[in-house]
Amino acid sequence: MPINYDGQVAIITGAGAGLGRSHALALASRGAKVVVNDLGGEDGSLSPSALAVVEEIIETGGQAIVNGANVADMTQVQAMVDQAMAQWGRIDILVNNAGIVRDKSFANMPIEDFQLLVDVHLMGAANCSKAVWPIMKEQRYGRIAMTTSSSGLYGNFGQANYGAAKMGVVGLMNTLCIEGEKYDIKVNCLSPTARTAMTEDLIDDKRILEMMTVESVTTGLMALVAEDAPNRAILGCGAGGYARVVIKETDGIYLSPEQQTPENILAKWDALQDQSNSNELKAAWMQTNKYVAKAAAFLGIDLAAK
């Protein structure tokens, strides 16, 4: 059955161009009413590119409004959410897409550039999620998509600030998906690679750029914010490829108290990092339980007995 978003309201940050624009147009084409957010001018003027996206949506029969909030400013974010509620009375979907880059090796990176990236990517996602959270709880429905990156998941030279902020939103997702589950608020992460202003100068081969469409990434985004979306998923998307990223932990080893030395940890490193019995842990307590169970087994303690 086709996925649609009829009657739903979506906020997409950084939606004036690139991935955000693609997300806004696609959601609107399937019935969503869209808040097209993109940073406005310091004089209070609205982003011309965001206005153009709104006009395009309206011309094709959709509904959209523009907003110029800086996602790093909670006061502006709250005003954006209030605008959406005044216009349509609900918010079903939040896509935390807004972002910037300030690439430089860590040794040469001004700490202000590190703070700026954290403010925009991580605090921006936290601000927007915080502002819509009570609304989604009250209506007992919500879909939130964070935008992470392979630079955060795996690392990339010159992007310590970007990578740290992008991995931070994974941590934000990991807790929000737990806290929101009983209210049918699902939270996921999109890890995109696409031809945008941020990537175009990094790739010389035009054949590769032609495959890396923003639309192929948006297809993944729409799955993450659908009614039947997963919860707590990191979806990698690019050039028509789709994969789930999973953070796993090896089964590991146990060292008795007298064996607990750094030398023994390094001596047993191969066994400790053996991937054959690795598992995806879905909450912090699962790790604690695993370690305690190993210790209890060594000591002959039956944890099931009280």
C-alpha atoms as a PDB file:
ATOM      1  CA  MET A   1       0.000   0.000   0.000  1.00  0.00           C
ATOM      2  CA  PRO A   2       1.454   3.406  -0.970  1.00  0.00           C
ATOM      3  CA  ILE A   3       2.845   5.523   1.843  1.00  0.00           C
ATOM      4  CA  ASN A   4       1.244   8.915   2.226  1.00  0.00           C
ATOM      5  CA  TYR A   5       1.285  11.701   4.779  1.00  0.00           C
ATOM      6  CA  ASP A   6      -2.202  13.112   4.252  1.00  0.00           C
ATOM      7  CA  GLY A   7      -3.188  15.403   7.106  1.00  0.00           C
ATOM      8  CA  GLN A   8       0.300  15.321   8.628  1.00  0.00           C
ATOM      9  CA  VAL A   9       2.478  18.344   9.336  1.00  0.00           C
ATOM     10  CA  ALA A  10       6.238  18.163   8.790  1.00  0.00           C
ATOM     11  CA  ILE A  11       9.029  20.537   9.799  1.00  0.00           C
ATOM     12  CA  ILE A  12      12.192  20.217   7.726  1.00  0.00           C
ATOM     13  CA  THR A  13      15.181  22.281   8.814  1.00  0.00           C
ATOM     14  CA  GLY A  14      17.723  23.471   6.282  1.00  0.00           C
ATOM     15  CA  ALA A  15      15.148  22.927   3.556  1.00  0.00           C
ATOM     16  CA  GLY A  16      16.088  25.719   1.180  1.00  0.00           C
ATOM     17  CA  ALA A  17      18.441  23.589  -0.908  1.00  0.00           C
ATOM     18  CA  GLY A  18      20.042  20.180  -1.263  1.00  0.00           C
ATOM     19  CA  LEU A  19      18.700  17.317   0.803  1.00  0.00           C
ATOM     20  CA  GLY A  20      16.317  19.493   2.798  1.00  0.00           C
ATOM     21  CA  ARG A  21      14.669  20.846  -0.335  1.00  0.00           C
ATOM     22  CA  SER A  22      14.321  17.318  -1.702  1.00  0.00           C
ATOM     23  CA  HIS A  23      12.779  16.110   1.586  1.00  0.00           C
ATOM     24  CA  ALA A  24      10.282  18.993   1.642  1.00  0.00           C
ATOM     25  CA  LEU A  25       9.148  18.499  -1.951  1.00  0.00           C
ATOM     26  CA  ALA A  26       8.807  14.738  -1.559  1.00  0.00           C
ATOM     27  CA  LEU A  27       6.815  14.885   1.673  1.00  0.00           C
ATOM     28  CA  ALA A  28       4.549  17.576   0.234  1.00  0.00           C
ATOM     29  CA  SER A  29       3.993  15.513  -2.911  1.00  0.00           C
ATOM     30  CA  ARG A  30       2.598  12.750  -0.708  1.00  0.00           C
ATOM     31  CA  GLY A  31       0.226  14.964   1.227  1.00  0.00           C
ATOM     32  CA  ALA A  32       2.229  16.500   4.071  1.00  0.00           C
ATOM     33  CA  LYS A  33       1.866  20.142   5.034  1.00  0.00           C
ATOM     34  CA  VAL A  34       5.405  21.420   5.263  1.00  0.00           C
ATOM     35  CA  VAL A  35       7.286  24.037   7.245  1.00  0.00           C
ATOM     36  CA  VAL A  36      10.261  24.899   5.046  1.00  0.00           C
ATOM     37  CA  ASN A  37      12.927  26.143   7.438  1.00  0.00           C
ATOM     38  CA  ASP A  38      16.115  27.767   6.259  1.00  0.00           C
ATOM     39  CA  LEU A  39      18.285  30.362   7.960  1.00  0.00           C
ATOM     40  CA  GLY A  40      17.114  33.869   7.165  1.00  0.00           C
ATOM     41  CA  GLY A  41      19.080  37.091   7.060  1.00  0.00           C
ATOM     42  CA  GLU A  42      20.288  38.960  10.136  1.00  0.00           C
ATOM     43  CA  ASP A  43      17.857  41.726   9.198  1.00  0.00           C
ATOM     44  CA  GLY A  44      14.956  39.327   9.624  1.00  0.00           C
ATOM     45  CA  SER A  45      14.523  38.664   5.908  1.00  0.00           C
ATOM     46  CA  LEU A  46      13.488  35.201   4.816  1.00  0.00           C
ATOM     47  CA  SER A  47      15.684  32.888   2.771  1.00  0.00           C
ATOM     48  CA  PRO A  48      14.965  33.360  -0.961  1.00  0.00           C
ATOM     49  CA  SER A  49      15.705  29.673  -1.584  1.00  0.00           C
ATOM     50  CA  ALA A  50      13.244  28.597   1.130  1.00  0.00           C
ATOM     51  CA  LEU A  51      10.610  30.927  -0.298  1.00  0.00           C
ATOM     52  CA  ALA A  52      11.180  29.316  -3.707  1.00  0.00           C
ATOM     53  CA  VAL A  53      10.625  25.830  -2.226  1.00  0.00           C
ATOM     54  CA  VAL A  54       7.352  26.975  -0.632  1.00  0.00           C
ATOM     55  CA  GLU A  55       6.240  28.494  -3.923  1.00  0.00           C
ATOM     56  CA  GLU A  56       7.064  25.259  -5.754  1.00  0.00           C
ATOM     57  CA  ILE A  57       5.028  23.209  -3.288  1.00  0.00           C
ATOM     58  CA  ILE A  58       2.050  25.539  -3.503  1.00  0.00           C
ATOM     59  CA  GLU A  59       2.184  25.612  -7.309  1.00  0.00           C
ATOM     60  CA  THR A  60       1.831  21.823  -7.354  1.00  0.00           C
ATOM     61  CA  GLY A  61      -1.194  21.899  -5.070  1.00  0.00           C
ATOM     62  CA  GLY A  62       0.513  21.383  -1.721  1.00  0.00           C
ATOM     63  CA  GLN A  63       0.582  23.407   1.470  1.00  0.00           C
ATOM     64  CA  ALA A  64       3.727  24.980   2.873  1.00  0.00           C
ATOM     65  CA  ILE A  65       4.995  27.918   4.910  1.00  0.00           C
ATOM     66  CA  VAL A  66       8.471  29.351   5.266  1.00  0.00           C
ATOM     67  CA  ASN A  67      10.440  29.919   8.444  1.00  0.00           C
ATOM     68  CA  GLY A  68      13.858  31.517   8.954  1.00  0.00           C
ATOM     69  CA  ALA A  69      14.743  30.247  12.435  1.00  0.00           C
ATOM     70  CA  ASN A  70      18.326  29.578  13.407  1.00  0.00           C
ATOM     71  CA  VAL A  71      18.098  26.046  14.824  1.00  0.00           C
ATOM     72  CA  ALA A  72      20.893  26.811  17.294  1.00  0.00           C
ATOM     73  CA  ASP A  73      18.640  29.425  18.947  1.00  0.00           C
ATOM     74  CA  MET A  74      15.939  27.822  21.107  1.00  0.00           C
ATOM     75  CA  THR A  75      13.829  30.991  21.164  1.00  0.00           C
ATOM     76  CA  GLN A  76      13.693  31.055  17.365  1.00  0.00           C
ATOM     77  CA  VAL A  77      13.001  27.323  17.224  1.00  0.00           C
ATOM     78  CA  GLN A  78      10.086  27.653  19.646  1.00  0.00           C
ATOM     79  CA  ALA A  79       8.672  30.465  17.516  1.00  0.00           C
ATOM     80  CA  MET A  80       8.897  28.186  14.463  1.00  0.00           C
ATOM     81  CA  VAL A  81       6.989  25.432  16.255  1.00  0.00           C
ATOM     82  CA  ASP A  82       4.402  27.957  17.461  1.00  0.00           C
ATOM     83  CA  GLN A  83       3.995  29.136  13.862  1.00  0.00           C
ATOM     84  CA  ALA A  84       3.334  25.587  12.673  1.00  0.00           C
ATOM     85  CA  MET A  85       0.812  24.983  15.453  1.00  0.00           C
ATOM     86  CA  ALA A  86      -1.002  28.254  14.736  1.00  0.00           C
ATOM     87  CA  GLN A  87      -1.170  27.358  11.058  1.00  0.00           C
ATOM     88  CA  TRP A  88      -2.130  23.686  11.245  1.00  0.00           C
ATOM     89  CA  GLY A  89      -2.629  22.667  14.886  1.00  0.00           C
ATOM     90  CA  ARG A  90      -0.303  19.666  14.992  1.00  0.00           C
ATOM     91  CA  ILE A  91       3.232  18.472  14.170  1.00  0.00           C
ATOM     92  CA  ASP A  92       3.747  14.884  13.096  1.00  0.00           C
ATOM     93  CA  ILE A  93       7.192  14.861  11.524  1.00  0.00           C
ATOM     94  CA  LEU A  94      10.453  16.610  12.332  1.00  0.00           C
ATOM     95  CA  VAL A  95      13.431  16.258  10.029  1.00  0.00           C
ATOM     96  CA  ASN A  96      16.602  17.625  11.622  1.00  0.00           C
ATOM     97  CA  ASN A  97      18.519  18.319   8.444  1.00  0.00           C
ATOM     98  CA  ALA A  98      20.116  21.768   8.887  1.00  0.00           C
ATOM     99  CA  GLY A  99      23.891  21.723   8.855  1.00  0.00           C
ATOM    100  CA  ILE A 100      27.128  23.448   7.955  1.00  0.00           C
ATOM    101  CA  VAL A 101      30.782  22.460   7.601  1.00  0.00           C
ATOM    102  CA  ARG A 102      34.013  24.122   8.712  1.00  0.00           C
ATOM    103  CA  ASP A 103      36.610  21.579   7.589  1.00  0.00           C
ATOM    104  CA  LYS A 104      40.162  21.800   8.880  1.00  0.00           C
ATOM    105  CA  SER A 105      42.602  19.425  10.554  1.00  0.00           C
ATOM    106  CA  PHE A 106      42.086  19.307  14.307  1.00  0.00           C
ATOM    107  CA  ALA A 107      45.523  20.857  14.939  1.00  0.00           C
ATOM    108  CA  ASN A 108      44.586  23.901  12.861  1.00  0.00           C
ATOM    109  CA  MET A 109      40.893  24.119  13.775  1.00  0.00           C
ATOM    110  CA  PRO A 110      39.828  27.120  15.874  1.00  0.00           C
ATOM    111  CA  ILE A 111      37.864  25.840  18.850  1.00  0.00           C
ATOM    112  CA  GLU A 112      35.137  28.304  17.851  1.00  0.00           C
ATOM    113  CA  ASP A 113      34.584  26.248  14.694  1.00  0.00           C
ATOM    114  CA  PHE A 114      34.182  23.137  16.815  1.00  0.00           C
ATOM    115  CA  GLN A 115      31.621  24.867  19.030  1.00  0.00           C
ATOM    116  CA  LEU A 116      29.750  26.228  16.016  1.00  0.00           C
ATOM    117  CA  LEU A 117      29.308  22.779  14.475  1.00  0.00           C
ATOM    118  CA  VAL A 118      28.096  21.321  17.763  1.00  0.00           C
ATOM    119  CA  ASP A 119      25.666  24.232  18.154  1.00  0.00           C
ATOM    120  CA  VAL A 120      24.168  23.809  14.680  1.00  0.00           C
ATOM    121  CA  HIS A 121      24.123  20.039  14.260  1.00  0.00           C
ATOM    122  CA  LEU A 122      23.716  18.657  17.770  1.00  0.00           C
ATOM    123  CA  MET A 123      22.092  21.509  19.681  1.00  0.00           C
ATOM    124  CA  GLY A 124      20.008  22.341  16.619  1.00  0.00           C
ATOM    125  CA  ALA A 125      18.612  18.808  16.593  1.00  0.00           C
ATOM    126  CA  ALA A 126      18.107  18.897  20.367  1.00  0.00           C
ATOM    127  CA  ASN A 127      16.367  22.287  20.258  1.00  0.00           C
ATOM    128  CA  CYS A 128      13.957  21.268  17.519  1.00  0.00           C
ATOM    129  CA  SER A 129      13.234  17.882  19.092  1.00  0.00           C
ATOM    130  CA  LYS A 130      12.668  19.483  22.496  1.00  0.00           C
ATOM    131  CA  ALA A 131      10.224  22.020  21.026  1.00  0.00           C
ATOM    132  CA  VAL A 132       8.046  19.398  19.275  1.00  0.00           C
ATOM    133  CA  TRP A 133       8.322  16.727  21.991  1.00  0.00           C
ATOM    134  CA  PRO A 134       5.370  17.823  24.199  1.00  0.00           C
ATOM    135  CA  ILE A 135       3.172  18.187  21.119  1.00  0.00           C
ATOM    136  CA  MET A 136       3.991  14.703  19.891  1.00  0.00           C
ATOM    137  CA  LYS A 137       3.483  13.264  23.393  1.00  0.00           C
ATOM    138  CA  GLU A 138       0.087  14.945  23.689  1.00  0.00           C
ATOM    139  CA  GLN A 139      -1.117  13.680  20.309  1.00  0.00           C
ATOM    140  CA  ARG A 140       0.592  10.304  20.953  1.00  0.00           C
ATOM    141  CA  TYR A 141       2.260  10.264  17.592  1.00  0.00           C
ATOM    142  CA  GLY A 142       5.484  11.569  16.165  1.00  0.00           C
ATOM    143  CA  ARG A 143       8.318  10.761  13.791  1.00  0.00           C
ATOM    144  CA  ILE A 144      11.722  12.395  14.209  1.00  0.00           C
ATOM    145  CA  ALA A 145      14.645  11.928  11.850  1.00  0.00           C
ATOM    146  CA  MET A 146      18.145  13.010  12.808  1.00  0.00           C
ATOM    147  CA  THR A 147      20.794  13.469  10.141  1.00  0.00           C
ATOM    148  CA  THR A 148      24.047  11.757  11.038  1.00  0.00           C
ATOM    149  CA  SER A 149      27.016  11.121   8.769  1.00  0.00           C
ATOM    150  CA  SER A 150      29.619   8.542   7.890  1.00  0.00           C
ATOM    151  CA  SER A 151      32.115  11.155   9.113  1.00  0.00           C
ATOM    152  CA  GLY A 152      30.709  10.661  12.608  1.00  0.00           C
ATOM    153  CA  LEU A 153      30.123   6.939  12.359  1.00  0.00           C
ATOM    154  CA  TYR A 154      33.512   6.111  10.848  1.00  0.00           C
ATOM    155  CA  GLY A 155      35.658   9.279  10.858  1.00  0.00           C
ATOM    156  CA  ASN A 156      36.979  11.582   8.137  1.00  0.00           C
ATOM    157  CA  PHE A 157      40.150  13.643   8.031  1.00  0.00           C
ATOM    158  CA  GLY A 158      39.537  17.329   8.685  1.00  0.00           C
ATOM    159  CA  GLN A 159      36.079  16.832  10.175  1.00  0.00           C
ATOM    160  CA  ALA A 160      36.622  16.346  13.910  1.00  0.00           C
ATOM    161  CA  ASN A 161      33.980  18.995  14.636  1.00  0.00           C
ATOM    162  CA  TYR A 162      31.478  17.692  12.087  1.00  0.00           C
ATOM    163  CA  GLY A 163      32.045  14.062  13.012  1.00  0.00           C
ATOM    164  CA  ALA A 164      31.675  14.671  16.750  1.00  0.00           C
ATOM    165  CA  ALA A 165      28.435  16.593  16.257  1.00  0.00           C
ATOM    166  CA  LYS A 166      27.049  13.984  13.862  1.00  0.00           C
ATOM    167  CA  MET A 167      27.830  11.127  16.238  1.00  0.00           C
ATOM    168  CA  GLY A 168      26.215  13.175  18.978  1.00  0.00           C
ATOM    169  CA  VAL A 169      22.841  13.029  17.248  1.00  0.00           C
ATOM    170  CA  VAL A 170      23.092   9.225  17.273  1.00  0.00           C
ATOM    171  CA  GLY A 171      23.371   9.371  21.052  1.00  0.00           C
ATOM    172  CA  LEU A 172      20.401  11.730  21.151  1.00  0.00           C
ATOM    173  CA  MET A 173      18.371   9.269  19.067  1.00  0.00           C
ATOM    174  CA  ASN A 174      19.371   6.334  21.258  1.00  0.00           C
ATOM    175  CA  THR A 175      17.679   7.856  24.286  1.00  0.00           C
ATOM    176  CA  LEU A 176      14.758   9.693  22.649  1.00  0.00           C
ATOM    177  CA  CYS A 177      13.587   6.504  20.928  1.00  0.00           C
ATOM    178  CA  ILE A 178      13.339   4.838  24.350  1.00  0.00           C
ATOM    179  CA  GLU A 179      11.570   7.747  26.033  1.00  0.00           C
ATOM    180  CA  GLY A 180       9.159   8.263  23.141  1.00  0.00           C
ATOM    181  CA  GLU A 181       8.198   4.666  22.410  1.00  0.00           C
ATOM    182  CA  LYS A 182       5.126   4.525  24.663  1.00  0.00           C
ATOM    183  CA  TYR A 183       3.784   7.654  22.957  1.00  0.00           C
ATOM    184  CA  ASP A 184       4.328   6.221  19.455  1.00  0.00           C
ATOM    185  CA  ILE A 185       7.163   8.675  18.870  1.00  0.00           C
ATOM    186  CA  LYS A 186       9.756   6.951  16.717  1.00  0.00           C
ATOM    187  CA  VAL A 187      13.224   8.402  16.317  1.00  0.00           C
ATOM    188  CA  ASN A 188      15.711   7.362  13.655  1.00  0.00           C
ATOM    189  CA  CYS A 189      18.897   8.589  11.974  1.00  0.00           C
ATOM    190  CA  LEU A 190      19.578   9.133   8.289  1.00  0.00           C
ATOM    191  CA  SER A 191      23.202   8.795   7.180  1.00  0.00           C
ATOM    192  CA  PRO A 192      23.251  10.277   3.677  1.00  0.00           C
ATOM    193  CA  THR A 193      25.757  10.640   0.905  1.00  0.00           C
ATOM    194  CA  ALA A 194      24.573  12.763  -1.983  1.00  0.00           C
ATOM    195  CA  ARG A 195      25.568  15.407  -4.484  1.00  0.00           C
ATOM    196  CA  THR A 196      25.064  18.679  -2.628  1.00  0.00           C
ATOM    197  CA  ALA A 197      26.896  21.969  -2.238  1.00  0.00           C
ATOM    198  CA  MET A 198      28.760  20.347   0.682  1.00  0.00           C
ATOM    199  CA  THR A 199      30.079  17.404  -1.388  1.00  0.00           C
ATOM    200  CA  GLU A 200      30.264  18.631  -4.992  1.00  0.00           C
ATOM    201  CA  ASP A 201      33.764  20.089  -4.674  1.00  0.00           C
ATOM    202  CA  LEU A 202      35.094  16.882  -3.106  1.00  0.00           C
ATOM    203  CA  ILE A 203      34.316  14.525  -6.005  1.00  0.00           C
ATOM    204  CA  ASP A 204      35.812  15.010  -9.459  1.00  0.00           C
ATOM    205  CA  ASP A 205      34.140  12.183 -11.371  1.00  0.00           C
ATOM    206  CA  LYS A 206      30.899  13.478 -12.895  1.00  0.00           C
ATOM    207  CA  ARG A 207      29.602   9.932 -13.389  1.00  0.00           C
ATOM    208  CA  ILE A 208      29.710   9.395  -9.646  1.00  0.00           C
ATOM    209  CA  LEU A 209      28.028  12.726  -8.946  1.00  0.00           C
ATOM    210  CA  GLU A 210      25.205  11.855 -11.344  1.00  0.00           C
ATOM    211  CA  MET A 211      24.451   8.702  -9.344  1.00  0.00           C
ATOM    212  CA  MET A 212      24.488  10.502  -5.989  1.00  0.00           C
ATOM    213  CA  THR A 213      21.080  12.102  -6.260  1.00  0.00           C
ATOM    214  CA  VAL A 214      19.401  13.816  -3.340  1.00  0.00           C
ATOM    215  CA  GLU A 215      16.191  12.061  -4.336  1.00  0.00           C
ATOM    216  CA  SER A 216      17.714   8.638  -3.642  1.00  0.00           C
ATOM    217  CA  VAL A 217      18.463   9.769  -0.085  1.00  0.00           C
ATOM    218  CA  THR A 218      15.019  11.283   0.367  1.00  0.00           C
ATOM    219  CA  THR A 219      13.513   7.889  -0.438  1.00  0.00           C
ATOM    220  CA  GLY A 220      15.201   6.584   2.702  1.00  0.00           C
ATOM    221  CA  LEU A 221      14.105   9.590   4.735  1.00  0.00           C
ATOM    222  CA  MET A 222      10.465   9.045   3.820  1.00  0.00           C
ATOM    223  CA  ALA A 223      10.676   5.462   5.072  1.00  0.00           C
ATOM    224  CA  LEU A 224      12.073   6.647   8.418  1.00  0.00           C
ATOM    225  CA  VAL A 225       9.180   9.066   9.019  1.00  0.00           C
ATOM    226  CA  ALA A 226       6.351   6.842   7.747  1.00  0.00           C
ATOM    227  CA  GLU A 227       3.662   5.492  10.048  1.00  0.00           C
ATOM    228  CA  ASP A 228       5.226   2.013   9.826  1.00  0.00           C
ATOM    229  CA  ALA A 229       8.765   3.321  10.321  1.00  0.00           C
ATOM    230  CA  PRO A 230      11.291   1.406  12.396  1.00  0.00           C
ATOM    231  CA  ASN A 231      12.506   2.815  15.700  1.00  0.00           C
ATOM    232  CA  ARG A 232      16.151   3.436  16.620  1.00  0.00           C
ATOM    233  CA  ALA A 233      17.528   2.724  13.149  1.00  0.00           C
ATOM    234  CA  ILE A 234      20.503   4.325  11.435  1.00  0.00           C
ATOM    235  CA  LEU A 235      19.799   4.119   7.704  1.00  0.00           C
ATOM    236  CA  GLY A 236      22.672   4.667   5.312  1.00  0.00           C
ATOM    237  CA  CYS A 237      21.620   6.009   1.911  1.00  0.00           C
ATOM    238  CA  GLY A 238      23.435   6.984  -1.255  1.00  0.00           C
ATOM    239  CA  ALA A 239      23.302   6.483  -5.017  1.00  0.00           C
ATOM    240  CA  GLY A 240      20.464   3.985  -4.627  1.00  0.00           C
ATOM    241  CA  GLY A 241      22.224   1.948  -1.947  1.00  0.00           C
ATOM    242  CA  TYR A 242      20.491   1.440   1.415  1.00  0.00           C
ATOM    243  CA  ALA A 243      21.890  -0.262   4.518  1.00  0.00           C
ATOM    244  CA  ARG A 244      21.316  -0.318   8.256  1.00  0.00           C
ATOM    245  CA  VAL A 245      24.235   0.758  10.413  1.00  0.00           C
ATOM    246  CA  VAL A 246      24.425  -1.212  13.668  1.00  0.00           C
ATOM    247  CA  ILE A 247      26.585  -0.491  16.716  1.00  0.00           C
ATOM    248  CA  LYS A 248      27.574  -3.840  18.208  1.00  0.00           C
ATOM    249  CA  GLU A 249      29.591  -4.996  21.182  1.00  0.00           C
ATOM    250  CA  THR A 250      31.718  -8.120  21.283  1.00  0.00           C
ATOM    251  CA  ASP A 251      30.938 -10.768  23.865  1.00  0.00           C
ATOM    252  CA  GLY A 252      34.269  -9.906  25.405  1.00  0.00           C
ATOM    253  CA  ILE A 253      36.182 -11.549  28.224  1.00  0.00           C
ATOM    254  CA  TYR A 254      36.025 -11.773  32.014  1.00  0.00           C
ATOM    255  CA  LEU A 255      38.943 -11.093  34.328  1.00  0.00           C
ATOM    256  CA  SER A 256      38.729 -12.075  37.975  1.00  0.00           C
ATOM    257  CA  PRO A 257      39.728  -9.372  40.497  1.00  0.00           C
ATOM    258  CA  GLU A 258      43.298 -10.618  40.805  1.00  0.00           C
ATOM    259  CA  GLN A 259      43.613 -10.708  36.995  1.00  0.00           C
ATOM    260  CA  GLN A 260      42.277  -7.190  36.407  1.00  0.00           C
ATOM    261  CA  THR A 261      45.422  -5.484  35.127  1.00  0.00           C
ATOM    262  CA  PRO A 262      46.037  -3.449  31.964  1.00  0.00           C
ATOM    263  CA  GLU A 263      48.658  -6.016  30.956  1.00  0.00           C
ATOM    264  CA  ASN A 264      46.050  -8.788  30.965  1.00  0.00           C
ATOM    265  CA  ILE A 265      43.615  -6.706  28.937  1.00  0.00           C
ATOM    266  CA  LEU A 266      46.211  -6.169  26.204  1.00  0.00           C
ATOM    267  CA  ALA A 267      47.356  -9.783  26.407  1.00  0.00           C
ATOM    268  CA  LYS A 268      43.807 -10.961  25.776  1.00  0.00           C
ATOM    269  CA  TRP A 269      42.988  -8.271  23.190  1.00  0.00           C
ATOM    270  CA  ASP A 270      42.369 -10.747  20.351  1.00  0.00           C
ATOM    271  CA  ALA A 271      39.782 -12.626  22.413  1.00  0.00           C
ATOM    272  CA  LEU A 272      38.255  -9.366  23.656  1.00  0.00           C
ATOM    273  CA  GLN A 273      37.709  -8.066  20.098  1.00  0.00           C
ATOM    274  CA  ASP A 274      36.497 -11.358  18.602  1.00  0.00           C
ATOM    275  CA  GLN A 275      33.448 -10.447  16.498  1.00  0.00           C
ATOM    276  CA  SER A 276      31.971 -13.927  16.252  1.00  0.00           C
ATOM    277  CA  ASN A 277      29.574 -13.429  19.170  1.00  0.00           C
ATOM    278  CA  SER A 278      28.956  -9.688  18.914  1.00  0.00           C
ATOM    279  CA  ASN A 279      25.482  -8.342  19.658  1.00  0.00           C
ATOM    280  CA  GLU A 280      23.509  -5.154  19.204  1.00  0.00           C
ATOM    281  CA  LEU A 281      22.731  -3.668  22.618  1.00  0.00           C
ATOM    282  CA  LYS A 282      19.601  -1.528  22.589  1.00  0.00           C
ATOM    283  CA  ALA A 283      19.912   0.180  25.976  1.00  0.00           C
ATOM    284  CA  ALA A 284      22.692   1.015  28.443  1.00  0.00           C
ATOM    285  CA  TRP A 285      21.422  -1.438  31.062  1.00  0.00           C
ATOM    286  CA  MET A 286      21.985  -4.325  28.654  1.00  0.00           C
ATOM    287  CA  GLN A 287      25.729  -3.712  28.776  1.00  0.00           C
ATOM    288  CA  THR A 288      25.727  -3.539  32.577  1.00  0.00           C
ATOM    289  CA  ASN A 289      23.712  -6.760  32.810  1.00  0.00           C
ATOM    290  CA  LYS A 290      26.128  -8.526  30.481  1.00  0.00           C
ATOM    291  CA  TYR A 291      29.200  -7.628  32.533  1.00  0.00           C
ATOM    292  CA  VAL A 292      27.504  -8.457  35.828  1.00  0.00           C
ATOM    293  CA  ALA A 293      26.351 -11.812  34.434  1.00  0.00           C
ATOM    294  CA  LYS A 294      29.937 -12.708  33.496  1.00  0.00           C
ATOM    295  CA  ALA A 295      31.151 -11.878  36.984  1.00  0.00           C
ATOM    296  CA  ALA A 296      28.267 -13.765  38.619  1.00  0.00           C
ATOM    297  CA  ALA A 297      28.937 -16.851  36.504  1.00  0.00           C
ATOM    298  CA  PHE A 298      32.594 -16.844  37.548  1.00  0.00           C
ATOM    299  CA  LEU A 299      31.630 -16.499  41.222  1.00  0.00           C
ATOM    300  CA  GLY A 300      28.880 -19.117  40.991  1.00  0.00           C
ATOM    301  CA  ILE A 301      26.124 -16.660  41.872  1.00  0.00           C
ATOM    302  CA  ASP A 302      22.637 -17.446  40.566  1.00  0.00           C
ATOM    303  CA  LEU A 303      21.180 -14.018  39.762  1.00  0.00           C
ATOM    304  CA  ALA A 304      17.751 -15.540  39.130  1.00  0.00           C
ATOM    305  CA  ALA A 305      17.550 -16.745  42.752  1.00  0.00           C
ATOM    306  CA  LYS A 306      16.397 -14.253  45.367  1.00  0.00           C
END
